[in-house]
């Protein structure tokens, strides 16, 4: 049985070990701000696709799930230091594999350049922006990963001067609505949620250019969880997938999981 699975970002809250004879454990999950349809706050309560997936995993392991607020960059630092145990929506990289065990994938992230086509023209490629095409300003999430091509081209001065690092998804949307930035980089599932739920001005915005697509995982800290604990987590996720438990949760959010979400843990 897992002694402790801390599923969140809680500064200063150390893991509380649970003996094998005790009935459960505590799982702490990071929730900084709304990230619909994955993390949705409603009257101090959290729901959403990622939340429900983790709630089901917690139930499978007889654990309590607790939500803790912490910024994304701080979360990465705390995980590396063993002060937290899991992040959601984590892209795989060689650097991160040294720090995290990846369980999932739980989502296929499709990042687009999003803006009002009535105000800016869609570029044909990222290379065009690096070569001098100027959209004015593009809001990105500080610390987010947008693929190798984006990382490489963002070193070009013509592209780099257009990028504005923002600390939260909600701030990106607010700046776009206020016309303080011309475009944002966002997952297409988030744009669809804004439009389906009639967020202010959301109907004006369209995907202008696909920037990056990749599976994202729940990343568990190797600094705070043992090899055996990580194995138990991966086995529980695999079991829920095979039983159709995960598929039922995806369908609640009008998402039909395909072979891209077949469990492929990277421990």
C-alpha atoms as a PDB file:
ATOM      1  CA  UNK A   1       0.000   0.000   0.000  1.00  0.00           C
ATOM      2  CA  UNK A   2       1.201   3.502  -0.624  1.00  0.00           C
ATOM      3  CA  UNK A   3       2.441   5.174   2.474  1.00  0.00           C
ATOM      4  CA  UNK A   4       1.967   8.665   1.181  1.00  0.00           C
ATOM      5  CA  UNK A   5       1.177  10.129  -2.189  1.00  0.00           C
ATOM      6  CA  UNK A   6       1.354  13.879  -2.029  1.00  0.00           C
ATOM      7  CA  UNK A   7      -0.462  15.076  -5.111  1.00  0.00           C
ATOM      8  CA  UNK A   8       0.080  18.768  -4.947  1.00  0.00           C
ATOM      9  CA  UNK A   9       2.111  21.714  -4.270  1.00  0.00           C
ATOM     10  CA  UNK A  10       2.141  22.479  -0.585  1.00  0.00           C
ATOM     11  CA  UNK A  11       5.067  24.490   0.675  1.00  0.00           C
ATOM     12  CA  UNK A  12       6.254  23.342   4.064  1.00  0.00           C
ATOM     13  CA  UNK A  13       3.861  20.398   4.407  1.00  0.00           C
ATOM     14  CA  UNK A  14       6.039  17.336   4.782  1.00  0.00           C
ATOM     15  CA  UNK A  15       4.836  13.840   3.827  1.00  0.00           C
ATOM     16  CA  UNK A  16       3.091  11.931   6.605  1.00  0.00           C
ATOM     17  CA  UNK A  17       3.977   8.267   6.424  1.00  0.00           C
ATOM     18  CA  UNK A  18       1.128   5.800   6.799  1.00  0.00           C
ATOM     19  CA  UNK A  19       1.832   2.263   7.925  1.00  0.00           C
ATOM     20  CA  UNK A  20       0.618  -0.690   5.905  1.00  0.00           C
ATOM     21  CA  UNK A  21      -1.984  -1.465   8.591  1.00  0.00           C
ATOM     22  CA  UNK A  22      -3.687   1.923   8.347  1.00  0.00           C
ATOM     23  CA  UNK A  23      -6.693   2.313   6.044  1.00  0.00           C
ATOM     24  CA  UNK A  24      -5.526   5.066   3.732  1.00  0.00           C
ATOM     25  CA  UNK A  25      -3.251   7.932   2.763  1.00  0.00           C
ATOM     26  CA  UNK A  26      -3.471  11.577   1.775  1.00  0.00           C
ATOM     27  CA  UNK A  27      -3.030  12.798  -1.773  1.00  0.00           C
ATOM     28  CA  UNK A  28      -2.359  16.495  -2.305  1.00  0.00           C
ATOM     29  CA  UNK A  29      -3.032  17.956  -5.733  1.00  0.00           C
ATOM     30  CA  UNK A  30      -1.897  21.281  -7.165  1.00  0.00           C
ATOM     31  CA  UNK A  31      -4.619  23.766  -8.065  1.00  0.00           C
ATOM     32  CA  UNK A  32      -3.352  27.262  -8.796  1.00  0.00           C
ATOM     33  CA  UNK A  33      -6.050  28.732 -11.018  1.00  0.00           C
ATOM     34  CA  UNK A  34      -8.819  27.790 -13.426  1.00  0.00           C
ATOM     35  CA  UNK A  35      -7.592  25.688 -16.346  1.00  0.00           C
ATOM     36  CA  UNK A  36     -10.874  24.484 -17.847  1.00  0.00           C
ATOM     37  CA  UNK A  37     -11.894  21.825 -18.678  1.00  0.00           C
ATOM     38  CA  UNK A  38      -9.045  20.297 -16.678  1.00  0.00           C
ATOM     39  CA  UNK A  39      -9.129  22.339 -13.447  1.00  0.00           C
ATOM     40  CA  UNK A  40     -12.309  24.268 -12.643  1.00  0.00           C
ATOM     41  CA  UNK A  41     -12.969  26.160  -9.419  1.00  0.00           C
ATOM     42  CA  UNK A  42     -16.564  26.532  -8.269  1.00  0.00           C
ATOM     43  CA  UNK A  43     -17.227  28.150  -4.896  1.00  0.00           C
ATOM     44  CA  UNK A  44     -13.949  27.019  -3.346  1.00  0.00           C
ATOM     45  CA  UNK A  45     -14.448  23.514  -4.722  1.00  0.00           C
ATOM     46  CA  UNK A  46     -12.385  21.976  -7.498  1.00  0.00           C
ATOM     47  CA  UNK A  47     -13.609  19.845 -10.369  1.00  0.00           C
ATOM     48  CA  UNK A  48     -12.618  19.220 -13.974  1.00  0.00           C
ATOM     49  CA  UNK A  49     -11.169  16.394 -16.029  1.00  0.00           C
ATOM     50  CA  UNK A  50      -7.755  16.230 -14.326  1.00  0.00           C
ATOM     51  CA  UNK A  51      -9.337  16.537 -10.892  1.00  0.00           C
ATOM     52  CA  UNK A  52     -11.770  13.689 -11.530  1.00  0.00           C
ATOM     53  CA  UNK A  53      -9.042  11.463 -12.930  1.00  0.00           C
ATOM     54  CA  UNK A  54      -6.955  11.991  -9.801  1.00  0.00           C
ATOM     55  CA  UNK A  55      -9.969  11.527  -7.536  1.00  0.00           C
ATOM     56  CA  UNK A  56     -10.556   8.140  -9.135  1.00  0.00           C
ATOM     57  CA  UNK A  57      -6.884   7.194  -8.751  1.00  0.00           C
ATOM     58  CA  UNK A  58      -7.004   8.260  -5.098  1.00  0.00           C
ATOM     59  CA  UNK A  59     -10.105   6.155  -4.537  1.00  0.00           C
ATOM     60  CA  UNK A  60      -8.394   3.155  -6.128  1.00  0.00           C
ATOM     61  CA  UNK A  61      -5.566   3.495  -3.615  1.00  0.00           C
ATOM     62  CA  UNK A  62      -7.876   4.246  -0.666  1.00  0.00           C
ATOM     63  CA  UNK A  63      -6.461   7.756  -0.361  1.00  0.00           C
ATOM     64  CA  UNK A  64      -7.914  11.157   0.485  1.00  0.00           C
ATOM     65  CA  UNK A  65      -7.411  13.877  -2.131  1.00  0.00           C
ATOM     66  CA  UNK A  66      -6.556  17.407  -0.952  1.00  0.00           C
ATOM     67  CA  UNK A  67      -6.150  20.498  -3.150  1.00  0.00           C
ATOM     68  CA  UNK A  68      -3.376  23.019  -2.540  1.00  0.00           C
ATOM     69  CA  UNK A  69      -2.672  26.308  -4.312  1.00  0.00           C
ATOM     70  CA  UNK A  70       0.832  26.968  -5.706  1.00  0.00           C
ATOM     71  CA  UNK A  71       2.237  28.700  -8.827  1.00  0.00           C
ATOM     72  CA  UNK A  72       3.550  26.535 -11.660  1.00  0.00           C
ATOM     73  CA  UNK A  73       7.223  27.513 -11.493  1.00  0.00           C
ATOM     74  CA  UNK A  74       7.258  27.142  -7.727  1.00  0.00           C
ATOM     75  CA  UNK A  75       5.686  23.707  -8.167  1.00  0.00           C
ATOM     76  CA  UNK A  76       8.501  22.574 -10.432  1.00  0.00           C
ATOM     77  CA  UNK A  77      11.101  23.748  -7.931  1.00  0.00           C
ATOM     78  CA  UNK A  78       9.362  22.107  -4.981  1.00  0.00           C
ATOM     79  CA  UNK A  79       9.029  18.823  -6.810  1.00  0.00           C
ATOM     80  CA  UNK A  80      12.737  18.776  -7.629  1.00  0.00           C
ATOM     81  CA  UNK A  81      13.448  19.397  -3.938  1.00  0.00           C
ATOM     82  CA  UNK A  82      11.086  16.651  -2.786  1.00  0.00           C
ATOM     83  CA  UNK A  83       8.638  19.141  -1.254  1.00  0.00           C
ATOM     84  CA  UNK A  84       5.751  18.008  -3.468  1.00  0.00           C
ATOM     85  CA  UNK A  85       4.936  14.825  -5.275  1.00  0.00           C
ATOM     86  CA  UNK A  86       2.965  15.333  -8.465  1.00  0.00           C
ATOM     87  CA  UNK A  87       2.131  17.777 -11.237  1.00  0.00           C
ATOM     88  CA  UNK A  88      -0.432  17.391 -13.986  1.00  0.00           C
ATOM     89  CA  UNK A  89       0.008  18.339 -17.649  1.00  0.00           C
ATOM     90  CA  UNK A  90       3.721  17.638 -17.628  1.00  0.00           C
ATOM     91  CA  UNK A  91       5.487  17.232 -20.967  1.00  0.00           C
ATOM     92  CA  UNK A  92       8.282  14.683 -21.183  1.00  0.00           C
ATOM     93  CA  UNK A  93      11.846  15.899 -21.646  1.00  0.00           C
ATOM     94  CA  UNK A  94      15.218  14.336 -20.887  1.00  0.00           C
ATOM     95  CA  UNK A  95      15.822  16.890 -18.140  1.00  0.00           C
ATOM     96  CA  UNK A  96      12.466  16.217 -16.484  1.00  0.00           C
ATOM     97  CA  UNK A  97      12.862  12.433 -16.662  1.00  0.00           C
ATOM     98  CA  UNK A  98      15.678  12.743 -14.152  1.00  0.00           C
ATOM     99  CA  UNK A  99      13.223  14.300 -11.668  1.00  0.00           C
ATOM    100  CA  UNK A 100       9.833  12.781 -12.495  1.00  0.00           C
ATOM    101  CA  UNK A 101       8.140   9.466 -13.149  1.00  0.00           C
ATOM    102  CA  UNK A 102       5.510  10.065 -15.828  1.00  0.00           C
ATOM    103  CA  UNK A 103       2.191   8.237 -15.463  1.00  0.00           C
ATOM    104  CA  UNK A 104      -0.437   8.506 -18.171  1.00  0.00           C
ATOM    105  CA  UNK A 105      -0.661  10.183 -20.588  1.00  0.00           C
ATOM    106  CA  UNK A 106      -3.850  11.820 -19.350  1.00  0.00           C
ATOM    107  CA  UNK A 107      -4.245  14.409 -22.144  1.00  0.00           C
ATOM    108  CA  UNK A 108      -3.043  15.162 -25.663  1.00  0.00           C
ATOM    109  CA  UNK A 109      -2.076  18.814 -25.511  1.00  0.00           C
ATOM    110  CA  UNK A 110      -2.556  20.755 -28.750  1.00  0.00           C
ATOM    111  CA  UNK A 111      -1.080  24.233 -28.456  1.00  0.00           C
ATOM    112  CA  UNK A 112      -2.274  26.899 -30.897  1.00  0.00           C
ATOM    113  CA  UNK A 113      -1.610  30.538 -31.522  1.00  0.00           C
ATOM    114  CA  UNK A 114      -5.013  32.019 -30.620  1.00  0.00           C
ATOM    115  CA  UNK A 115      -6.247  35.476 -31.532  1.00  0.00           C
ATOM    116  CA  UNK A 116      -8.890  37.556 -33.289  1.00  0.00           C
ATOM    117  CA  UNK A 117      -8.528  36.965 -37.060  1.00  0.00           C
ATOM    118  CA  UNK A 118     -10.188  40.323 -37.613  1.00  0.00           C
ATOM    119  CA  UNK A 119      -7.224  42.050 -35.985  1.00  0.00           C
ATOM    120  CA  UNK A 120      -4.203  39.947 -36.941  1.00  0.00           C
ATOM    121  CA  UNK A 121      -3.316  37.735 -39.881  1.00  0.00           C
ATOM    122  CA  UNK A 122      -2.486  34.114 -39.200  1.00  0.00           C
ATOM    123  CA  UNK A 123       1.187  33.394 -39.901  1.00  0.00           C
ATOM    124  CA  UNK A 124       1.959  30.446 -42.139  1.00  0.00           C
ATOM    125  CA  UNK A 125       4.524  29.064 -39.674  1.00  0.00           C
ATOM    126  CA  UNK A 126       6.565  29.840 -36.586  1.00  0.00           C
ATOM    127  CA  UNK A 127       9.528  30.338 -38.888  1.00  0.00           C
ATOM    128  CA  UNK A 128       7.721  33.291 -40.441  1.00  0.00           C
ATOM    129  CA  UNK A 129       7.595  34.966 -37.024  1.00  0.00           C
ATOM    130  CA  UNK A 130      11.278  34.270 -36.488  1.00  0.00           C
ATOM    131  CA  UNK A 131      12.033  35.750 -39.911  1.00  0.00           C
ATOM    132  CA  UNK A 132      10.408  39.067 -39.080  1.00  0.00           C
ATOM    133  CA  UNK A 133       6.612  38.802 -39.336  1.00  0.00           C
ATOM    134  CA  UNK A 134       5.386  40.894 -36.404  1.00  0.00           C
ATOM    135  CA  UNK A 135       2.091  40.196 -34.601  1.00  0.00           C
ATOM    136  CA  UNK A 136       2.877  42.799 -31.951  1.00  0.00           C
ATOM    137  CA  UNK A 137       2.734  40.733 -28.750  1.00  0.00           C
ATOM    138  CA  UNK A 138       2.076  37.074 -27.918  1.00  0.00           C
ATOM    139  CA  UNK A 139       1.330  35.967 -24.347  1.00  0.00           C
ATOM    140  CA  UNK A 140       2.917  32.711 -23.190  1.00  0.00           C
ATOM    141  CA  UNK A 141       2.700  30.936 -19.838  1.00  0.00           C
ATOM    142  CA  UNK A 142       5.928  31.343 -17.912  1.00  0.00           C
ATOM    143  CA  UNK A 143       7.630  27.970 -17.558  1.00  0.00           C
ATOM    144  CA  UNK A 144       5.401  26.177 -20.095  1.00  0.00           C
ATOM    145  CA  UNK A 145       6.844  23.913 -22.781  1.00  0.00           C
ATOM    146  CA  UNK A 146       5.742  24.559 -26.380  1.00  0.00           C
ATOM    147  CA  UNK A 147       7.978  22.124 -28.226  1.00  0.00           C
ATOM    148  CA  UNK A 148      11.527  22.078 -29.536  1.00  0.00           C
ATOM    149  CA  UNK A 149      10.803  24.185 -32.615  1.00  0.00           C
ATOM    150  CA  UNK A 150       9.275  26.949 -30.514  1.00  0.00           C
ATOM    151  CA  UNK A 151      12.199  26.820 -28.074  1.00  0.00           C
ATOM    152  CA  UNK A 152      14.684  27.124 -30.911  1.00  0.00           C
ATOM    153  CA  UNK A 153      12.921  29.854 -32.872  1.00  0.00           C
ATOM    154  CA  UNK A 154      12.158  31.918 -29.775  1.00  0.00           C
ATOM    155  CA  UNK A 155      15.891  32.643 -29.583  1.00  0.00           C
ATOM    156  CA  UNK A 156      15.599  34.721 -32.761  1.00  0.00           C
ATOM    157  CA  UNK A 157      15.397  38.424 -31.821  1.00  0.00           C
ATOM    158  CA  UNK A 158      12.486  39.101 -34.202  1.00  0.00           C
ATOM    159  CA  UNK A 159      10.417  36.425 -32.465  1.00  0.00           C
ATOM    160  CA  UNK A 160      11.679  36.877 -28.915  1.00  0.00           C
ATOM    161  CA  UNK A 161      10.662  40.544 -28.726  1.00  0.00           C
ATOM    162  CA  UNK A 162       7.033  39.585 -29.439  1.00  0.00           C
ATOM    163  CA  UNK A 163       6.785  37.131 -26.511  1.00  0.00           C
ATOM    164  CA  UNK A 164       5.295  38.220 -23.198  1.00  0.00           C
ATOM    165  CA  UNK A 165       5.624  35.778 -20.286  1.00  0.00           C
ATOM    166  CA  UNK A 166       2.480  35.626 -18.143  1.00  0.00           C
ATOM    167  CA  UNK A 167       2.074  33.864 -14.802  1.00  0.00           C
ATOM    168  CA  UNK A 168      -1.430  32.382 -15.255  1.00  0.00           C
ATOM    169  CA  UNK A 169      -3.930  31.250 -17.890  1.00  0.00           C
ATOM    170  CA  UNK A 170      -6.562  33.676 -16.641  1.00  0.00           C
ATOM    171  CA  UNK A 171      -4.122  36.582 -16.952  1.00  0.00           C
ATOM    172  CA  UNK A 172      -3.442  35.590 -20.564  1.00  0.00           C
ATOM    173  CA  UNK A 173      -7.153  35.692 -21.396  1.00  0.00           C
ATOM    174  CA  UNK A 174      -7.617  39.009 -19.570  1.00  0.00           C
ATOM    175  CA  UNK A 175      -4.758  40.613 -21.501  1.00  0.00           C
ATOM    176  CA  UNK A 176      -6.147  39.322 -24.789  1.00  0.00           C
ATOM    177  CA  UNK A 177      -9.624  40.675 -24.036  1.00  0.00           C
ATOM    178  CA  UNK A 178      -8.139  44.034 -23.006  1.00  0.00           C
ATOM    179  CA  UNK A 179      -6.141  44.092 -26.288  1.00  0.00           C
ATOM    180  CA  UNK A 180      -2.903  44.410 -24.367  1.00  0.00           C
ATOM    181  CA  UNK A 181      -1.600  41.414 -26.313  1.00  0.00           C
ATOM    182  CA  UNK A 182      -2.524  40.438 -29.851  1.00  0.00           C
ATOM    183  CA  UNK A 183      -2.467  36.666 -29.383  1.00  0.00           C
ATOM    184  CA  UNK A 184      -1.846  33.938 -26.830  1.00  0.00           C
ATOM    185  CA  UNK A 185      -0.529  30.394 -26.905  1.00  0.00           C
ATOM    186  CA  UNK A 186      -3.191  28.044 -25.549  1.00  0.00           C
ATOM    187  CA  UNK A 187      -4.373  24.449 -25.595  1.00  0.00           C
ATOM    188  CA  UNK A 188      -7.268  24.074 -28.042  1.00  0.00           C
ATOM    189  CA  UNK A 189      -9.347  22.305 -25.360  1.00  0.00           C
ATOM    190  CA  UNK A 190      -9.243  25.465 -23.247  1.00  0.00           C
ATOM    191  CA  UNK A 191     -10.393  27.659 -26.149  1.00  0.00           C
ATOM    192  CA  UNK A 192     -13.249  25.256 -26.878  1.00  0.00           C
ATOM    193  CA  UNK A 193     -14.315  25.364 -23.227  1.00  0.00           C
ATOM    194  CA  UNK A 194     -14.312  29.174 -23.207  1.00  0.00           C
ATOM    195  CA  UNK A 195     -16.520  29.208 -26.287  1.00  0.00           C
ATOM    196  CA  UNK A 196     -18.879  26.444 -25.165  1.00  0.00           C
ATOM    197  CA  UNK A 197     -19.426  28.170 -21.837  1.00  0.00           C
ATOM    198  CA  UNK A 198     -19.734  31.660 -23.330  1.00  0.00           C
ATOM    199  CA  UNK A 199     -16.773  33.346 -21.710  1.00  0.00           C
ATOM    200  CA  UNK A 200     -16.750  37.089 -22.539  1.00  0.00           C
ATOM    201  CA  UNK A 201     -15.511  37.730 -26.097  1.00  0.00           C
ATOM    202  CA  UNK A 202     -14.521  34.065 -26.527  1.00  0.00           C
ATOM    203  CA  UNK A 203     -16.381  33.773 -29.833  1.00  0.00           C
ATOM    204  CA  UNK A 204     -14.010  36.343 -31.348  1.00  0.00           C
ATOM    205  CA  UNK A 205     -10.950  34.172 -30.906  1.00  0.00           C
ATOM    206  CA  UNK A 206      -9.855  31.419 -33.260  1.00  0.00           C
ATOM    207  CA  UNK A 207      -6.895  29.035 -33.561  1.00  0.00           C
ATOM    208  CA  UNK A 208      -4.528  30.716 -36.030  1.00  0.00           C
ATOM    209  CA  UNK A 209      -1.557  28.335 -36.109  1.00  0.00           C
ATOM    210  CA  UNK A 210      -0.818  24.955 -34.557  1.00  0.00           C
ATOM    211  CA  UNK A 211       2.406  25.303 -32.586  1.00  0.00           C
ATOM    212  CA  UNK A 212       2.910  21.975 -30.830  1.00  0.00           C
ATOM    213  CA  UNK A 213       1.138  18.739 -29.965  1.00  0.00           C
ATOM    214  CA  UNK A 214       2.256  16.130 -27.468  1.00  0.00           C
ATOM    215  CA  UNK A 215       0.953  13.823 -24.737  1.00  0.00           C
ATOM    216  CA  UNK A 216       1.128  15.196 -21.215  1.00  0.00           C
ATOM    217  CA  UNK A 217       1.379  13.176 -18.034  1.00  0.00           C
ATOM    218  CA  UNK A 218       0.968  13.247 -14.302  1.00  0.00           C
ATOM    219  CA  UNK A 219       4.564  13.726 -13.171  1.00  0.00           C
ATOM    220  CA  UNK A 220       5.467  12.179  -9.811  1.00  0.00           C
ATOM    221  CA  UNK A 221       8.557  13.377  -7.990  1.00  0.00           C
ATOM    222  CA  UNK A 222      11.354  10.851  -7.750  1.00  0.00           C
ATOM    223  CA  UNK A 223      12.737  12.865  -4.851  1.00  0.00           C
ATOM    224  CA  UNK A 224       9.749  12.178  -2.599  1.00  0.00           C
ATOM    225  CA  UNK A 225       8.269   8.861  -3.772  1.00  0.00           C
ATOM    226  CA  UNK A 226       9.954   5.487  -3.745  1.00  0.00           C
ATOM    227  CA  UNK A 227      10.342   3.201  -6.729  1.00  0.00           C
ATOM    228  CA  UNK A 228       7.759   0.873  -5.195  1.00  0.00           C
ATOM    229  CA  UNK A 229       5.238   3.681  -4.700  1.00  0.00           C
ATOM    230  CA  UNK A 230       5.670   4.814  -8.284  1.00  0.00           C
ATOM    231  CA  UNK A 231       5.141   1.266  -9.496  1.00  0.00           C
ATOM    232  CA  UNK A 232       1.900   1.008  -7.508  1.00  0.00           C
ATOM    233  CA  UNK A 233       0.660   4.261  -9.024  1.00  0.00           C
ATOM    234  CA  UNK A 234       1.414   3.095 -12.551  1.00  0.00           C
ATOM    235  CA  UNK A 235      -0.283  -0.259 -11.949  1.00  0.00           C
ATOM    236  CA  UNK A 236      -3.384   1.432 -10.528  1.00  0.00           C
ATOM    237  CA  UNK A 237      -3.629   3.754 -13.550  1.00  0.00           C
ATOM    238  CA  UNK A 238      -3.273   0.790 -15.917  1.00  0.00           C
ATOM    239  CA  UNK A 239      -5.976  -1.109 -14.037  1.00  0.00           C
ATOM    240  CA  UNK A 240      -8.436   1.786 -14.183  1.00  0.00           C
ATOM    241  CA  UNK A 241      -7.775   2.214 -17.891  1.00  0.00           C
ATOM    242  CA  UNK A 242      -8.404  -1.459 -18.640  1.00  0.00           C
ATOM    243  CA  UNK A 243     -11.613  -1.459 -16.609  1.00  0.00           C
ATOM    244  CA  UNK A 244     -12.993   1.509 -18.552  1.00  0.00           C
ATOM    245  CA  UNK A 245     -13.052   3.730 -15.472  1.00  0.00           C
ATOM    246  CA  UNK A 246     -10.960   6.457 -17.095  1.00  0.00           C
ATOM    247  CA  UNK A 247     -12.942   6.396 -20.341  1.00  0.00           C
ATOM    248  CA  UNK A 248     -16.160   7.101 -18.417  1.00  0.00           C
ATOM    249  CA  UNK A 249     -14.596  10.243 -16.922  1.00  0.00           C
ATOM    250  CA  UNK A 250     -13.381  11.508 -20.315  1.00  0.00           C
ATOM    251  CA  UNK A 251     -16.842  11.054 -21.816  1.00  0.00           C
ATOM    252  CA  UNK A 252     -18.321  13.356 -19.147  1.00  0.00           C
ATOM    253  CA  UNK A 253     -16.230  16.107 -20.737  1.00  0.00           C
ATOM    254  CA  UNK A 254     -17.165  15.206 -24.325  1.00  0.00           C
ATOM    255  CA  UNK A 255     -13.756  13.667 -24.927  1.00  0.00           C
ATOM    256  CA  UNK A 256     -13.457  10.242 -26.493  1.00  0.00           C
ATOM    257  CA  UNK A 257     -10.058   8.811 -25.528  1.00  0.00           C
ATOM    258  CA  UNK A 258      -8.203   7.084 -28.358  1.00  0.00           C
ATOM    259  CA  UNK A 259      -5.053   5.016 -28.644  1.00  0.00           C
ATOM    260  CA  UNK A 260      -2.956   8.111 -27.921  1.00  0.00           C
ATOM    261  CA  UNK A 261      -4.063   7.848 -24.291  1.00  0.00           C
ATOM    262  CA  UNK A 262      -3.103   4.184 -23.889  1.00  0.00           C
ATOM    263  CA  UNK A 263      -1.057   4.008 -20.680  1.00  0.00           C
ATOM    264  CA  UNK A 264       2.657   4.373 -21.325  1.00  0.00           C
ATOM    265  CA  UNK A 265       4.363   5.034 -17.993  1.00  0.00           C
ATOM    266  CA  UNK A 266       7.898   6.330 -17.998  1.00  0.00           C
ATOM    267  CA  UNK A 267       9.279   5.463 -14.587  1.00  0.00           C
END
